[in-house]
């Protein structure tokens, strides 16, 4: 899953969680192995460790824990029955009296990554007992604090439907809404950062990155942006999304973590949100996106703008893009 690092006005650095999970076939008989981190092809002096489950974590000294890490590690949302439904309980685990582990690096560790502004390629490498060297790749986006972000759900919003939008492009059939690629590119050229959302599980990360990279409209591709996924496994994602109908809670929690990266200095970073379900609108409103900047599309490519009875389309939004999403 992609990672976001934000530089605050005072120069402080904050990072979202490093959700790094090796499959069981990659980590047979491997535990507490060091994970080496490469940024843009260069090895860095920052390491993670591997748990028996295949999850990676940072080992932190209790005395050096940042207050921000503790706050982020206790993020949670309660469902309508007031029961904890989904929360990041692996971010902050006591190993013993003096050691803790976290999915969030310290500021010192972030600085040691020596990031460039914008997109950075990040690689996690381990050497296992039986499988040799195993590698996971993702992207890390280093952003300033004063940006504006537009949230884009992928399945059913970029594509015409959740499932067929994944299957049909693999056999050469375009299944995206007309005008969506042009619109997203125009928003990006106006200065907005694009953040893609999906309820797909973290094990589908490579396939999702490849899917977005291969979407084309007259040779025009989608602009780069972080892809935020469900950090749990496939079965858990299916249960939450299909059985419990609570995909929006996954999105809210992940986006809350990103929102907290910016602190209280700048509170308008989530500028607009696009989705295809009522629950997407609920998630976006929870994050205080104005109703006029929330757009919900149906399978017929008709778009409802919350608070407005008139329907629109991506093609019409392209014409009015500079007015709704002005350059900044």
Protein backbone atom coordinates (compact mmCIF):
# COMPACT_ATOMS: atom_id res chain seq x y z
CA UNK A 1 0.00 0.00 0.00
CA UNK A 2 1.30 3.47 -0.84
CA UNK A 3 2.69 5.77 1.85
CA UNK A 4 2.36 9.54 2.33
CA UNK A 5 4.88 11.77 4.11
CA UNK A 6 3.98 15.40 4.81
CA UNK A 7 6.31 18.28 5.67
CA UNK A 8 4.69 20.71 8.11
CA UNK A 9 5.27 24.50 8.07
CA UNK A 10 7.79 24.16 10.92
CA UNK A 11 9.80 21.57 8.97
CA UNK A 12 8.57 18.58 10.97
CA UNK A 13 7.90 15.37 9.02
CA UNK A 14 4.98 13.00 9.51
CA UNK A 15 4.29 9.69 7.82
CA UNK A 16 1.27 7.50 7.30
CA UNK A 17 1.51 3.85 8.28
CA UNK A 18 3.87 1.49 6.47
CA UNK A 19 1.47 -1.35 5.69
CA UNK A 20 3.95 -3.96 4.44
CA UNK A 21 2.86 -7.57 4.37
CA UNK A 22 4.74 -10.51 2.89
CA UNK A 23 2.69 -13.57 1.96
CA UNK A 24 3.03 -16.83 3.89
CA UNK A 25 4.87 -18.44 0.96
CA UNK A 26 7.48 -15.66 1.09
CA UNK A 27 8.22 -15.91 4.79
CA UNK A 28 8.23 -19.62 5.61
CA UNK A 29 10.18 -20.12 8.86
CA UNK A 30 11.12 -16.44 8.89
CA UNK A 31 10.69 -14.32 11.99
CA UNK A 32 12.39 -11.17 13.32
CA UNK A 33 14.29 -10.94 10.05
CA UNK A 34 15.55 -7.49 9.14
CA UNK A 35 13.79 -5.78 6.25
CA UNK A 36 16.00 -3.51 4.19
CA UNK A 37 14.48 -0.37 2.66
CA UNK A 38 15.46 1.09 -0.71
CA UNK A 39 14.31 4.51 -1.91
CA UNK A 40 14.58 5.18 -5.65
CA UNK A 41 17.00 2.28 -5.94
CA UNK A 42 19.30 3.33 -3.09
CA UNK A 43 19.60 1.39 0.17
CA UNK A 44 18.81 3.48 3.26
CA UNK A 45 19.97 3.19 6.84
CA UNK A 46 16.44 2.44 8.03
CA UNK A 47 15.21 -1.07 8.72
CA UNK A 48 12.00 -2.80 9.69
CA UNK A 49 11.52 -6.23 11.22
CA UNK A 50 9.37 -9.11 10.11
CA UNK A 51 6.74 -10.67 12.35
CA UNK A 52 5.80 -14.33 12.03
CA UNK A 53 2.54 -13.24 10.37
CA UNK A 54 4.47 -11.66 7.51
CA UNK A 55 3.77 -8.10 8.67
CA UNK A 56 6.61 -5.60 8.89
CA UNK A 57 7.09 -3.22 11.81
CA UNK A 58 9.47 -0.62 13.21
CA UNK A 59 11.03 -1.49 16.56
CA UNK A 60 11.02 1.64 18.72
CA UNK A 61 12.52 2.52 22.08
CA UNK A 62 9.86 3.54 24.58
CA UNK A 63 11.78 6.66 25.63
CA UNK A 64 11.98 7.88 22.03
CA UNK A 65 8.32 7.47 21.12
CA UNK A 66 6.79 10.54 19.53
CA UNK A 67 3.41 11.67 20.90
CA UNK A 68 2.11 11.81 17.34
CA UNK A 69 2.87 8.11 16.81
CA UNK A 70 0.90 7.20 19.93
CA UNK A 71 -2.07 9.32 18.85
CA UNK A 72 -2.10 7.87 15.33
CA UNK A 73 -1.80 4.35 16.68
CA UNK A 74 -5.03 4.63 18.64
CA UNK A 75 -7.26 5.74 15.76
CA UNK A 76 -10.58 3.94 15.75
CA UNK A 77 -14.18 4.24 14.62
CA UNK A 78 -17.25 2.89 16.36
CA UNK A 79 -20.19 1.42 14.51
CA UNK A 80 -23.88 2.17 15.12
CA UNK A 81 -23.99 -0.32 17.97
CA UNK A 82 -21.17 1.52 19.73
CA UNK A 83 -18.86 -1.45 19.31
CA UNK A 84 -15.33 -1.10 17.99
CA UNK A 85 -15.55 -2.20 14.38
CA UNK A 86 -12.23 -1.41 12.80
CA UNK A 87 -9.16 0.14 14.29
CA UNK A 88 -5.40 0.21 13.87
CA UNK A 89 -4.44 -2.02 16.75
CA UNK A 90 -1.17 -3.21 15.17
CA UNK A 91 0.36 0.26 15.08
CA UNK A 92 1.39 0.34 18.70
CA UNK A 93 2.09 -2.96 20.42
CA UNK A 94 4.04 -3.39 23.62
CA UNK A 95 6.77 -5.96 23.16
CA UNK A 96 8.26 -5.61 26.62
CA UNK A 97 8.88 -2.86 29.18
CA UNK A 98 11.36 -0.99 26.99
CA UNK A 99 10.43 -1.89 23.43
CA UNK A 100 7.43 -1.09 21.27
CA UNK A 101 6.68 -1.70 17.63
CA UNK A 102 4.85 0.59 15.24
CA UNK A 103 3.81 0.83 11.62
CA UNK A 104 4.79 4.52 11.70
CA UNK A 105 8.47 5.53 11.50
CA UNK A 106 9.93 8.19 13.76
CA UNK A 107 10.84 11.58 12.33
CA UNK A 108 14.49 10.61 12.54
CA UNK A 109 13.81 7.53 10.42
CA UNK A 110 11.81 9.55 7.89
CA UNK A 111 14.69 12.01 7.48
CA UNK A 112 17.10 9.13 6.92
CA UNK A 113 15.05 8.06 3.88
CA UNK A 114 16.25 11.22 2.07
CA UNK A 115 13.06 11.68 0.07
CA UNK A 116 12.54 13.85 -2.98
CA UNK A 117 9.38 15.92 -3.42
CA UNK A 118 6.58 14.00 -5.11
CA UNK A 119 6.66 10.32 -5.97
CA UNK A 120 9.41 8.05 -4.60
CA UNK A 121 9.76 4.37 -5.37
CA UNK A 122 10.16 2.31 -2.21
CA UNK A 123 11.31 -1.31 -2.03
CA UNK A 124 11.29 -3.68 0.95
CA UNK A 125 13.71 -6.63 0.77
CA UNK A 126 14.23 -9.62 3.05
CA UNK A 127 16.40 -12.72 2.86
CA UNK A 128 14.45 -15.74 4.05
CA UNK A 129 15.73 -19.14 5.16
CA UNK A 130 14.07 -21.10 2.40
CA UNK A 131 12.89 -18.65 -0.22
CA UNK A 132 15.98 -16.53 -0.68
CA UNK A 133 15.56 -12.79 -1.28
CA UNK A 134 11.96 -11.60 -1.38
CA UNK A 135 10.93 -8.11 -2.50
CA UNK A 136 7.84 -5.91 -2.19
CA UNK A 137 7.54 -2.62 -4.06
CA UNK A 138 5.31 0.40 -3.55
CA UNK A 139 5.31 4.19 -3.81
CA UNK A 140 5.96 6.87 -1.21
CA UNK A 141 4.66 10.38 -1.87
CA UNK A 142 6.41 13.29 -0.17
CA UNK A 143 4.09 16.31 -0.09
CA UNK A 144 4.20 19.84 1.37
CA UNK A 145 1.52 20.77 3.91
CA UNK A 146 -0.37 23.33 1.83
CA UNK A 147 -1.76 21.08 -0.89
CA UNK A 148 -5.31 20.33 -1.95
CA UNK A 149 -6.33 16.70 -2.45
CA UNK A 150 -9.13 15.25 -4.55
CA UNK A 151 -10.28 11.79 -3.47
CA UNK A 152 -11.16 9.31 -6.22
CA UNK A 153 -12.77 5.96 -5.54
CA UNK A 154 -11.59 3.52 -8.21
CA UNK A 155 -14.13 0.73 -8.58
CA UNK A 156 -17.40 1.99 -10.04
CA UNK A 157 -16.19 5.60 -10.11
CA UNK A 158 -13.23 5.49 -12.47
CA UNK A 159 -14.56 2.20 -13.89
CA UNK A 160 -18.22 1.67 -14.81
CA UNK A 161 -18.72 -1.07 -12.24
CA UNK A 162 -16.90 -2.65 -9.34
CA UNK A 163 -16.18 -6.13 -10.68
CA UNK A 164 -16.34 -5.79 -14.48
CA UNK A 165 -14.11 -2.74 -14.24
CA UNK A 166 -11.36 -5.05 -13.02
CA UNK A 167 -11.98 -8.01 -15.34
CA UNK A 168 -12.81 -6.48 -18.75
CA UNK A 169 -9.68 -4.28 -19.17
CA UNK A 170 -7.57 -7.43 -18.80
CA UNK A 171 -9.11 -8.81 -22.00
CA UNK A 172 -8.80 -5.55 -23.90
CA UNK A 173 -12.23 -4.03 -23.25
CA UNK A 174 -12.34 -0.45 -21.96
CA UNK A 175 -14.75 -0.17 -19.04
CA UNK A 176 -14.15 3.29 -17.63
CA UNK A 177 -16.54 6.23 -17.60
CA UNK A 178 -16.23 8.50 -20.61
CA UNK A 179 -14.19 11.60 -19.81
CA UNK A 180 -12.88 10.43 -16.44
CA UNK A 181 -9.22 10.23 -17.50
CA UNK A 182 -9.34 13.70 -19.10
CA UNK A 183 -11.03 15.20 -16.04
CA UNK A 184 -8.54 13.75 -13.55
CA UNK A 185 -5.65 14.99 -15.69
CA UNK A 186 -7.14 18.48 -15.87
CA UNK A 187 -7.51 18.56 -12.07
CA UNK A 188 -3.91 17.45 -11.71
CA UNK A 189 -2.71 20.17 -14.12
CA UNK A 190 -4.59 22.71 -11.98
CA UNK A 191 -2.37 21.74 -9.04
CA UNK A 192 -4.52 19.23 -7.16
CA UNK A 193 -3.06 16.00 -5.78
CA UNK A 194 -5.04 12.89 -6.70
CA UNK A 195 -5.56 10.22 -4.05
CA UNK A 196 -7.08 6.94 -5.26
CA UNK A 197 -9.23 4.83 -2.94
CA UNK A 198 -10.23 1.19 -3.09
CA UNK A 199 -11.59 -1.42 -0.71
CA UNK A 200 -9.40 -4.06 -2.34
CA UNK A 201 -7.08 -5.91 0.03
CA UNK A 202 -3.40 -5.09 0.38
CA UNK A 203 -2.40 -8.32 -1.41
CA UNK A 204 -3.96 -6.85 -4.56
CA UNK A 205 -1.64 -3.85 -4.45
CA UNK A 206 0.55 -4.79 -7.44
CA UNK A 207 -2.46 -5.68 -9.59
CA UNK A 208 -4.22 -2.41 -8.68
CA UNK A 209 -1.15 -0.30 -9.51
CA UNK A 210 -0.80 -2.10 -12.83
CA UNK A 211 -4.50 -1.70 -13.56
CA UNK A 212 -4.45 2.08 -13.07
CA UNK A 213 -1.19 2.49 -14.98
CA UNK A 214 -2.67 0.68 -17.99
CA UNK A 215 -5.89 2.71 -18.20
CA UNK A 216 -5.68 4.84 -21.34
CA UNK A 217 -7.91 7.19 -23.30
CA UNK A 218 -6.32 8.21 -26.62
CA UNK A 219 -2.88 7.46 -25.17
CA UNK A 220 -3.57 9.66 -22.16
CA UNK A 221 -3.04 7.87 -18.82
CA UNK A 222 -4.06 8.69 -15.27
CA UNK A 223 -1.76 10.99 -13.26
CA UNK A 224 0.26 9.45 -10.46
CA UNK A 225 -1.16 9.46 -6.96
CA UNK A 226 -1.18 7.31 -3.82
CA UNK A 227 -3.46 4.28 -3.79
CA UNK A 228 -5.05 3.72 -0.39
CA UNK A 229 -6.34 0.19 0.19
CA UNK A 230 -7.74 -2.00 2.93
CA UNK A 231 -4.66 -3.05 4.96
CA UNK A 232 -6.32 -6.34 5.94
CA UNK A 233 -6.37 -9.60 4.00
CA UNK A 234 -8.67 -10.60 1.16
CA UNK A 235 -11.19 -12.49 3.30
CA UNK A 236 -11.41 -9.71 5.87
CA UNK A 237 -11.90 -7.12 3.10
CA UNK A 238 -14.64 -9.25 1.55
CA UNK A 239 -16.39 -9.65 4.90
CA UNK A 240 -16.32 -5.94 5.71
CA UNK A 241 -17.18 -4.80 2.21
CA UNK A 242 -19.71 -7.36 1.02
CA UNK A 243 -21.12 -9.00 4.14
CA UNK A 244 -21.10 -6.15 6.65
CA UNK A 245 -21.55 -3.37 4.05
CA UNK A 246 -19.14 -1.13 5.92
CA UNK A 247 -16.48 -0.28 3.36
CA UNK A 248 -16.86 3.41 4.21
CA UNK A 249 -15.47 2.79 7.70
CA UNK A 250 -12.27 1.45 6.15
CA UNK A 251 -12.00 4.59 4.01
CA UNK A 252 -12.77 6.93 6.90
CA UNK A 253 -10.12 5.42 9.12
CA UNK A 254 -7.43 5.45 6.44
CA UNK A 255 -8.29 9.03 5.46
CA UNK A 256 -8.39 10.17 9.09
CA UNK A 257 -4.82 9.00 9.43
CA UNK A 258 -3.82 10.99 6.34
CA UNK A 259 -5.74 14.05 7.52
CA UNK A 260 -3.88 13.96 10.83
CA UNK A 261 -0.56 14.18 8.98
CA UNK A 262 -1.27 17.84 8.28
CA UNK A 263 -1.90 18.80 11.89
CA UNK A 264 -4.09 21.80 12.68
CA UNK A 265 -2.14 24.32 10.63
CA UNK A 266 -4.02 23.64 7.40
CA UNK A 267 -7.49 22.14 7.49
CA UNK A 268 -8.69 22.25 3.87
CA UNK A 269 -6.47 19.63 2.24
CA UNK A 270 -9.38 17.32 1.29
CA UNK A 271 -10.96 19.54 -1.36
CA UNK A 272 -13.36 17.16 -3.14
CA UNK A 273 -14.40 13.53 -3.32
CA UNK A 274 -15.74 11.28 -6.10
CA UNK A 275 -17.51 7.98 -5.42
CA UNK A 276 -20.29 5.70 -6.63
CA UNK A 277 -22.10 4.80 -3.43
CA UNK A 278 -24.04 6.60 -0.72
CA UNK A 279 -21.47 5.32 1.77
CA UNK A 280 -18.76 7.17 -0.17
CA UNK A 281 -20.69 10.39 0.42
CA UNK A 282 -20.95 9.51 4.13
CA UNK A 283 -17.18 9.00 4.33
CA UNK A 284 -16.44 12.28 2.54
CA UNK A 285 -18.83 14.27 4.71
CA UNK A 286 -17.26 12.71 7.81
CA UNK A 287 -14.00 14.24 6.62
CA UNK A 288 -15.72 17.66 6.30
CA UNK A 289 -15.58 17.91 2.53
CA UNK A 290 -18.22 20.49 1.48
CA UNK A 291 -21.39 18.96 0.02
CA UNK A 292 -20.97 20.89 -3.23
CA UNK A 293 -17.61 19.16 -3.74
CA UNK A 294 -18.92 15.60 -3.31
CA UNK A 295 -19.83 13.82 -6.55
CA UNK A 296 -21.58 10.44 -6.78
CA UNK A 297 -21.75 8.67 -10.15
CA UNK A 298 -24.10 5.87 -11.24
CA UNK A 299 -23.46 3.04 -13.78
CA UNK A 300 -25.02 5.20 -16.52
CA UNK A 301 -22.30 7.85 -15.95
CA UNK A 302 -24.77 10.37 -14.51
CA UNK A 303 -23.32 12.32 -11.59
CA UNK A 304 -25.13 13.78 -8.60
CA UNK A 305 -23.51 16.72 -6.85
CA UNK A 306 -24.67 16.70 -3.23
CA UNK A 307 -27.03 19.55 -2.50
CA UNK A 308 -27.85 20.03 -6.20
CA UNK A 309 -30.76 18.32 -7.98
CA UNK A 310 -29.19 18.75 -11.41
CA UNK A 311 -27.30 15.82 -12.92
CA UNK A 312 -23.95 16.21 -14.61
CA UNK A 313 -21.30 14.04 -16.32
CA UNK A 314 -17.54 13.89 -16.45
CA UNK A 315 -17.64 15.54 -19.90
CA UNK A 316 -19.61 18.50 -18.52
CA UNK A 317 -17.29 18.75 -15.51
CA UNK A 318 -14.33 19.00 -17.89
CA UNK A 319 -15.94 22.13 -19.42
CA UNK A 320 -16.44 23.73 -16.00
CA UNK A 321 -13.30 22.31 -14.37
CA UNK A 322 -11.45 25.62 -14.06
CA UNK A 323 -14.44 27.12 -12.26
CA UNK A 324 -15.14 24.24 -9.85
CA UNK A 325 -11.49 23.23 -9.40
CA UNK A 326 -9.58 26.51 -10.02
CA UNK A 327 -5.81 26.60 -10.29
CA UNK A 328 -4.04 27.44 -7.07
